[in-house]
PDB file of N, CA and C in Angstrom:
ATOM      1  N   UNK A   1       0.915  -1.213  -0.058  1.00  0.00           N
ATOM      2  CA  UNK A   1       0.146   0.035  -0.039  1.00  0.00           C
ATOM      3  C   UNK A   1       0.971   1.158  -0.015  1.00  0.00           C
ATOM      4  N   UNK A   2       0.692   2.049  -0.791  1.00  0.00           N
ATOM      5  CA  UNK A   2       1.325   3.366  -0.798  1.00  0.00           C
ATOM      6  C   UNK A   2       0.419   4.586  -0.092  1.00  0.00           C
ATOM      7  N   UNK A   3       1.314   5.249   0.688  1.00  0.00           N
ATOM      8  CA  UNK A   3       0.758   6.266   1.347  1.00  0.00           C
ATOM      9  C   UNK A   3       1.632   7.611   0.748  1.00  0.00           C
ATOM     10  N   UNK A   4       0.645   8.693   0.306  1.00  0.00           N
ATOM     11  CA  UNK A   4       1.367  10.030   0.020  1.00  0.00           C
ATOM     12  C   UNK A   4       1.255  10.974   1.042  1.00  0.00           C
ATOM     13  N   UNK A   5       2.190  11.965   0.912  1.00  0.00           N
ATOM     14  CA  UNK A   5       2.511  12.990   1.601  1.00  0.00           C
ATOM     15  C   UNK A   5       0.843  13.654   1.808  1.00  0.00           C
ATOM     16  N   UNK A   6       0.737  14.041   3.218  1.00  0.00           N
ATOM     17  CA  UNK A   6      -0.730  14.651   3.530  1.00  0.00           C
ATOM     18  C   UNK A   6      -1.554  13.592   4.127  1.00  0.00           C
ATOM     19  N   UNK A   7      -1.252  12.347   4.076  1.00  0.00           N
ATOM     20  CA  UNK A   7      -1.949  11.343   4.850  1.00  0.00           C
ATOM     21  C   UNK A   7      -2.227  11.546   5.972  1.00  0.00           C
ATOM     22  N   UNK A   8      -2.877  10.621   7.058  1.00  0.00           N
ATOM     23  CA  UNK A   8      -3.456  11.037   8.264  1.00  0.00           C
ATOM     24  C   UNK A   8      -2.232  10.703   9.014  1.00  0.00           C
ATOM     25  N   UNK A   9      -1.191   9.845   8.713  1.00  0.00           N
ATOM     26  CA  UNK A   9      -0.322   9.305   9.696  1.00  0.00           C
ATOM     27  C   UNK A   9       0.657  10.642  10.322  1.00  0.00           C
ATOM     28  N   UNK A  10       0.836  11.633   9.991  1.00  0.00           N
ATOM     29  CA  UNK A  10       1.409  12.899  10.469  1.00  0.00           C
ATOM     30  C   UNK A  10       2.512  12.664  10.563  1.00  0.00           C
ATOM     31  N   UNK A  11       3.364  11.867  10.078  1.00  0.00           N
ATOM     32  CA  UNK A  11       5.105  11.694  10.384  1.00  0.00           C
ATOM     33  C   UNK A  11       5.778  12.335   8.869  1.00  0.00           C
ATOM     34  N   UNK A  12       7.004  12.289   9.257  1.00  0.00           N
ATOM     35  CA  UNK A  12       7.776  12.558   7.995  1.00  0.00           C
ATOM     36  C   UNK A  12       8.599  14.016   7.947  1.00  0.00           C
ATOM     37  N   UNK A  13       9.140  14.345   7.040  1.00  0.00           N
ATOM     38  CA  UNK A  13      10.134  15.277   6.617  1.00  0.00           C
ATOM     39  C   UNK A  13       9.638  16.478   6.040  1.00  0.00           C
ATOM     40  N   UNK A  14       7.832  16.337   5.939  1.00  0.00           N
ATOM     41  CA  UNK A  14       7.785  17.439   4.986  1.00  0.00           C
ATOM     42  C   UNK A  14       7.596  18.875   5.722  1.00  0.00           C
ATOM     43  N   UNK A  15       8.176  19.942   4.731  1.00  0.00           N
ATOM     44  CA  UNK A  15       7.948  21.202   5.252  1.00  0.00           C
ATOM     45  C   UNK A  15       6.603  22.007   4.957  1.00  0.00           C
ATOM     46  N   UNK A  16       5.788  21.504   3.922  1.00  0.00           N
ATOM     47  CA  UNK A  16       4.535  21.661   3.634  1.00  0.00           C
ATOM     48  C   UNK A  16       4.065  20.689   2.650  1.00  0.00           C
ATOM     49  N   UNK A  17       2.625  20.824   2.758  1.00  0.00           N
ATOM     50  CA  UNK A  17       1.867  19.742   1.970  1.00  0.00           C
ATOM     51  C   UNK A  17       2.317  19.372   0.623  1.00  0.00           C
ATOM     52  N   UNK A  18       2.516  18.372   0.229  1.00  0.00           N
ATOM     53  CA  UNK A  18       2.785  18.393  -1.482  1.00  0.00           C
ATOM     54  C   UNK A  18       4.520  18.569  -1.600  1.00  0.00           C
ATOM     55  N   UNK A  19       5.328  19.075  -0.693  1.00  0.00           N
ATOM     56  CA  UNK A  19       6.542  19.139  -0.890  1.00  0.00           C
ATOM     57  C   UNK A  19       7.461  18.248   0.042  1.00  0.00           C
ATOM     58  N   UNK A  20       8.174  17.315  -0.636  1.00  0.00           N
ATOM     59  CA  UNK A  20       8.917  16.391  -0.115  1.00  0.00           C
ATOM     60  C   UNK A  20      10.419  17.032   0.054  1.00  0.00           C
ATOM     61  N   UNK A  21      10.919  16.674   1.229  1.00  0.00           N
ATOM     62  CA  UNK A  21      12.348  17.234   1.816  1.00  0.00           C
ATOM     63  C   UNK A  21      13.237  15.812   2.106  1.00  0.00           C
ATOM     64  N   UNK A  22      14.204  15.751   1.603  1.00  0.00           N
ATOM     65  CA  UNK A  22      15.335  14.642   1.623  1.00  0.00           C
ATOM     66  C   UNK A  22      15.474  14.796   2.958  1.00  0.00           C
ATOM     67  N   UNK A  23      15.414  13.709   3.953  1.00  0.00           N
ATOM     68  CA  UNK A  23      15.813  13.885   5.437  1.00  0.00           C
ATOM     69  C   UNK A  23      17.619  13.970   5.493  1.00  0.00           C
ATOM     70  N   UNK A  24      18.170  13.683   4.545  1.00  0.00           N
ATOM     71  CA  UNK A  24      19.153  13.782   4.670  1.00  0.00           C
ATOM     72  C   UNK A  24      20.327  14.688   4.216  1.00  0.00           C
ATOM     73  N   UNK A  25      19.867  15.302   3.020  1.00  0.00           N
ATOM     74  CA  UNK A  25      20.657  16.280   2.260  1.00  0.00           C
ATOM     75  C   UNK A  25      19.756  17.420   2.093  1.00  0.00           C
ATOM     76  N   UNK A  26      18.498  17.556   2.512  1.00  0.00           N
ATOM     77  CA  UNK A  26      17.631  18.685   2.356  1.00  0.00           C
ATOM     78  C   UNK A  26      17.160  19.203   0.979  1.00  0.00           C
ATOM     79  N   UNK A  27      17.268  18.358  -0.255  1.00  0.00           N
ATOM     80  CA  UNK A  27      16.836  18.316  -1.403  1.00  0.00           C
ATOM     81  C   UNK A  27      15.241  18.187  -1.389  1.00  0.00           C
ATOM     82  N   UNK A  28      14.773  19.221  -2.143  1.00  0.00           N
ATOM     83  CA  UNK A  28      13.103  19.060  -2.012  1.00  0.00           C
ATOM     84  C   UNK A  28      12.695  19.017  -3.479  1.00  0.00           C
ATOM     85  N   UNK A  29      11.349  18.443  -3.462  1.00  0.00           N
ATOM     86  CA  UNK A  29      10.552  17.845  -4.577  1.00  0.00           C
ATOM     87  C   UNK A  29       9.083  18.260  -4.216  1.00  0.00           C
ATOM     88  N   UNK A  30       8.452  18.762  -5.440  1.00  0.00           N
ATOM     89  CA  UNK A  30       7.143  18.922  -5.323  1.00  0.00           C
ATOM     90  C   UNK A  30       6.400  17.626  -5.536  1.00  0.00           C
ATOM     91  N   UNK A  31       5.661  17.163  -4.726  1.00  0.00           N
ATOM     92  CA  UNK A  31       4.967  15.923  -4.896  1.00  0.00           C
ATOM     93  C   UNK A  31       5.786  14.601  -4.760  1.00  0.00           C
ATOM     94  N   UNK A  32       5.162  13.298  -4.883  1.00  0.00           N
ATOM     95  CA  UNK A  32       5.956  12.105  -4.677  1.00  0.00           C
ATOM     96  C   UNK A  32       6.864  11.914  -5.930  1.00  0.00           C
ATOM     97  N   UNK A  33       7.753  11.363  -5.803  1.00  0.00           N
ATOM     98  CA  UNK A  33       8.646  10.921  -6.877  1.00  0.00           C
ATOM     99  C   UNK A  33       9.075   9.304  -6.887  1.00  0.00           C
ATOM    100  N   UNK A  34       8.999   8.632  -8.033  1.00  0.00           N
ATOM    101  CA  UNK A  34       8.921   7.155  -7.669  1.00  0.00           C
ATOM    102  C   UNK A  34      10.545   6.875  -7.436  1.00  0.00           C
ATOM    103  N   UNK A  35      11.418   7.655  -7.762  1.00  0.00           N
ATOM    104  CA  UNK A  35      12.891   7.439  -7.449  1.00  0.00           C
ATOM    105  C   UNK A  35      13.345   7.405  -6.148  1.00  0.00           C
ATOM    106  N   UNK A  36      12.511   8.273  -5.166  1.00  0.00           N
ATOM    107  CA  UNK A  36      12.821   8.638  -3.664  1.00  0.00           C
ATOM    108  C   UNK A  36      12.434   7.123  -2.751  1.00  0.00           C
ATOM    109  N   UNK A  37      13.195   7.162  -1.746  1.00  0.00           N
ATOM    110  CA  UNK A  37      12.690   6.270  -0.959  1.00  0.00           C
ATOM    111  C   UNK A  37      11.866   6.697   0.429  1.00  0.00           C
ATOM    112  N   UNK A  38      11.088   5.872   0.857  1.00  0.00           N
ATOM    113  CA  UNK A  38      10.315   6.458   2.096  1.00  0.00           C
ATOM    114  C   UNK A  38      10.689   5.497   3.016  1.00  0.00           C
ATOM    115  N   UNK A  39      11.107   5.944   4.365  1.00  0.00           N
ATOM    116  CA  UNK A  39      11.517   5.050   5.466  1.00  0.00           C
ATOM    117  C   UNK A  39      10.813   5.266   6.637  1.00  0.00           C
ATOM    118  N   UNK A  40      10.514   4.358   7.450  1.00  0.00           N
ATOM    119  CA  UNK A  40       9.736   4.746   8.707  1.00  0.00           C
ATOM    120  C   UNK A  40      10.705   4.205   9.779  1.00  0.00           C
ATOM    121  N   UNK A  41      11.023   5.328  10.492  1.00  0.00           N
ATOM    122  CA  UNK A  41      12.098   5.060  11.417  1.00  0.00           C
ATOM    123  C   UNK A  41      11.575   5.846  12.666  1.00  0.00           C
ATOM    124  N   UNK A  42      11.347   4.714  13.783  1.00  0.00           N
ATOM    125  CA  UNK A  42      10.925   5.059  15.247  1.00  0.00           C
ATOM    126  C   UNK A  42       9.502   5.701  15.214  1.00  0.00           C
ATOM    127  N   UNK A  43       8.403   5.292  14.047  1.00  0.00           N
ATOM    128  CA  UNK A  43       7.333   5.957  13.771  1.00  0.00           C
ATOM    129  C   UNK A  43       6.989   7.232  13.064  1.00  0.00           C
ATOM    130  N   UNK A  44       8.478   7.503  12.631  1.00  0.00           N
ATOM    131  CA  UNK A  44       8.306   8.762  11.733  1.00  0.00           C
ATOM    132  C   UNK A  44       8.784   8.371  10.141  1.00  0.00           C
ATOM    133  N   UNK A  45       7.854   8.845   9.427  1.00  0.00           N
ATOM    134  CA  UNK A  45       7.927   8.938   7.854  1.00  0.00           C
ATOM    135  C   UNK A  45       9.278   9.748   7.630  1.00  0.00           C
ATOM    136  N   UNK A  46      10.083   9.283   6.756  1.00  0.00           N
ATOM    137  CA  UNK A  46      11.266  10.128   6.329  1.00  0.00           C
ATOM    138  C   UNK A  46      11.199   9.919   4.749  1.00  0.00           C
ATOM    139  N   UNK A  47      11.753  10.620   3.897  1.00  0.00           N
ATOM    140  CA  UNK A  47      11.921  10.214   2.701  1.00  0.00           C
ATOM    141  C   UNK A  47      13.624  10.591   2.102  1.00  0.00           C
ATOM    142  N   UNK A  48      14.055  10.076   1.138  1.00  0.00           N
ATOM    143  CA  UNK A  48      15.535  10.243   0.772  1.00  0.00           C
ATOM    144  C   UNK A  48      15.610  10.308  -0.651  1.00  0.00           C
ATOM    145  N   UNK A  49      15.922  11.255  -1.179  1.00  0.00           N
ATOM    146  CA  UNK A  49      16.230  11.592  -2.352  1.00  0.00           C
ATOM    147  C   UNK A  49      16.939  10.314  -3.251  1.00  0.00           C
ATOM    148  N   UNK A  50      16.918  10.272  -4.397  1.00  0.00           N
ATOM    149  CA  UNK A  50      17.357   9.340  -5.429  1.00  0.00           C
ATOM    150  C   UNK A  50      19.120   9.164  -5.063  1.00  0.00           C
ATOM    151  N   UNK A  51      19.505  10.263  -4.912  1.00  0.00           N
ATOM    152  CA  UNK A  51      21.266  10.232  -4.697  1.00  0.00           C
ATOM    153  C   UNK A  51      21.285   9.846  -3.496  1.00  0.00           C
ATOM    154  N   UNK A  52      20.837  10.309  -2.546  1.00  0.00           N
ATOM    155  CA  UNK A  52      21.173   9.854  -1.066  1.00  0.00           C
ATOM    156  C   UNK A  52      20.796   8.148  -1.071  1.00  0.00           C
ATOM    157  N   UNK A  53      19.726   8.018  -1.957  1.00  0.00           N
ATOM    158  CA  UNK A  53      19.229   6.592  -1.680  1.00  0.00           C
ATOM    159  C   UNK A  53      20.304   5.682  -2.332  1.00  0.00           C
ATOM    160  N   UNK A  54      20.706   5.788  -3.412  1.00  0.00           N
ATOM    161  CA  UNK A  54      22.229   5.209  -4.376  1.00  0.00           C
ATOM    162  C   UNK A  54      23.432   5.101  -3.311  1.00  0.00           C
ATOM    163  N   UNK A  55      23.781   6.177  -2.804  1.00  0.00           N
ATOM    164  CA  UNK A  55      24.987   6.338  -1.951  1.00  0.00           C
ATOM    165  C   UNK A  55      24.906   5.223  -0.789  1.00  0.00           C
ATOM    166  N   UNK A  56      23.532   5.210  -0.316  1.00  0.00           N
ATOM    167  CA  UNK A  56      23.554   4.409   0.774  1.00  0.00           C
ATOM    168  C   UNK A  56      22.919   3.170   0.807  1.00  0.00           C
ATOM    169  N   UNK A  57      22.859   2.521  -0.447  1.00  0.00           N
ATOM    170  CA  UNK A  57      21.891   1.370  -0.812  1.00  0.00           C
ATOM    171  C   UNK A  57      22.066   0.286  -0.012  1.00  0.00           C
ATOM    172  N   UNK A  58      23.368  -0.356   0.557  1.00  0.00           N
ATOM    173  CA  UNK A  58      23.803  -1.442   0.817  1.00  0.00           C
ATOM    174  C   UNK A  58      23.255  -1.174   2.743  1.00  0.00           C
ATOM    175  N   UNK A  59      23.116  -0.006   3.394  1.00  0.00           N
ATOM    176  CA  UNK A  59      22.669   0.167   4.258  1.00  0.00           C
ATOM    177  C   UNK A  59      20.996   0.109   4.432  1.00  0.00           C
ATOM    178  N   UNK A  60      20.474   0.707   3.478  1.00  0.00           N
ATOM    179  CA  UNK A  60      18.996   0.509   3.240  1.00  0.00           C
ATOM    180  C   UNK A  60      18.565  -0.846   3.328  1.00  0.00           C
ATOM    181  N   UNK A  61      19.273  -1.634   2.435  1.00  0.00           N
ATOM    182  CA  UNK A  61      18.966  -3.014   2.071  1.00  0.00           C
ATOM    183  C   UNK A  61      19.090  -3.797   3.403  1.00  0.00           C
ATOM    184  N   UNK A  62      20.259  -3.288   4.351  1.00  0.00           N
ATOM    185  CA  UNK A  62      20.427  -4.063   5.623  1.00  0.00           C
ATOM    186  C   UNK A  62      19.467  -3.498   6.490  1.00  0.00           C
ATOM    187  N   UNK A  63      18.738  -2.861   6.250  1.00  0.00           N
ATOM    188  CA  UNK A  63      17.479  -2.208   7.157  1.00  0.00           C
ATOM    189  C   UNK A  63      18.161  -1.304   8.439  1.00  0.00           C
ATOM    190  N   UNK A  64      19.368  -0.808   8.471  1.00  0.00           N
ATOM    191  CA  UNK A  64      19.839   0.031   9.309  1.00  0.00           C
ATOM    192  C   UNK A  64      19.417   1.406   9.045  1.00  0.00           C
ATOM    193  N   UNK A  65      18.979   1.879  10.568  1.00  0.00           N
ATOM    194  CA  UNK A  65      18.357   3.303  10.575  1.00  0.00           C
ATOM    195  C   UNK A  65      19.599   4.305   9.968  1.00  0.00           C
ATOM    196  N   UNK A  66      18.833   5.189   9.285  1.00  0.00           N
ATOM    197  CA  UNK A  66      19.506   6.539   8.654  1.00  0.00           C
ATOM    198  C   UNK A  66      20.655   7.080   9.471  1.00  0.00           C
ATOM    199  N   UNK A  67      20.417   7.023  11.054  1.00  0.00           N
ATOM    200  CA  UNK A  67      21.400   7.777  11.856  1.00  0.00           C
ATOM    201  C   UNK A  67      22.942   6.557  11.630  1.00  0.00           C
ATOM    202  N   UNK A  68      22.792   5.362  11.180  1.00  0.00           N
ATOM    203  CA  UNK A  68      23.864   4.721  11.038  1.00  0.00           C
ATOM    204  C   UNK A  68      24.673   5.051   9.406  1.00  0.00           C
ATOM    205  N   UNK A  69      24.112   5.606   8.816  1.00  0.00           N
ATOM    206  CA  UNK A  69      24.704   5.705   7.272  1.00  0.00           C
ATOM    207  C   UNK A  69      25.693   6.949   7.574  1.00  0.00           C
TER     208      UNK A  69
END
């Protein structure tokens, strides 16, 4: 199931509705991006841009929290 920004979960790295902000580098994008990664860590939804996702692919696949990247 896919949840988009603005859903009722209330978590994440959104600065405003419809705007995604990478939790690692701060890159922003308007609306959902198919190449971005969504991670739920400690109940908070965080989004990571395609560049940060590629750089940390092994850590993501190993299910490490982003604090360990």
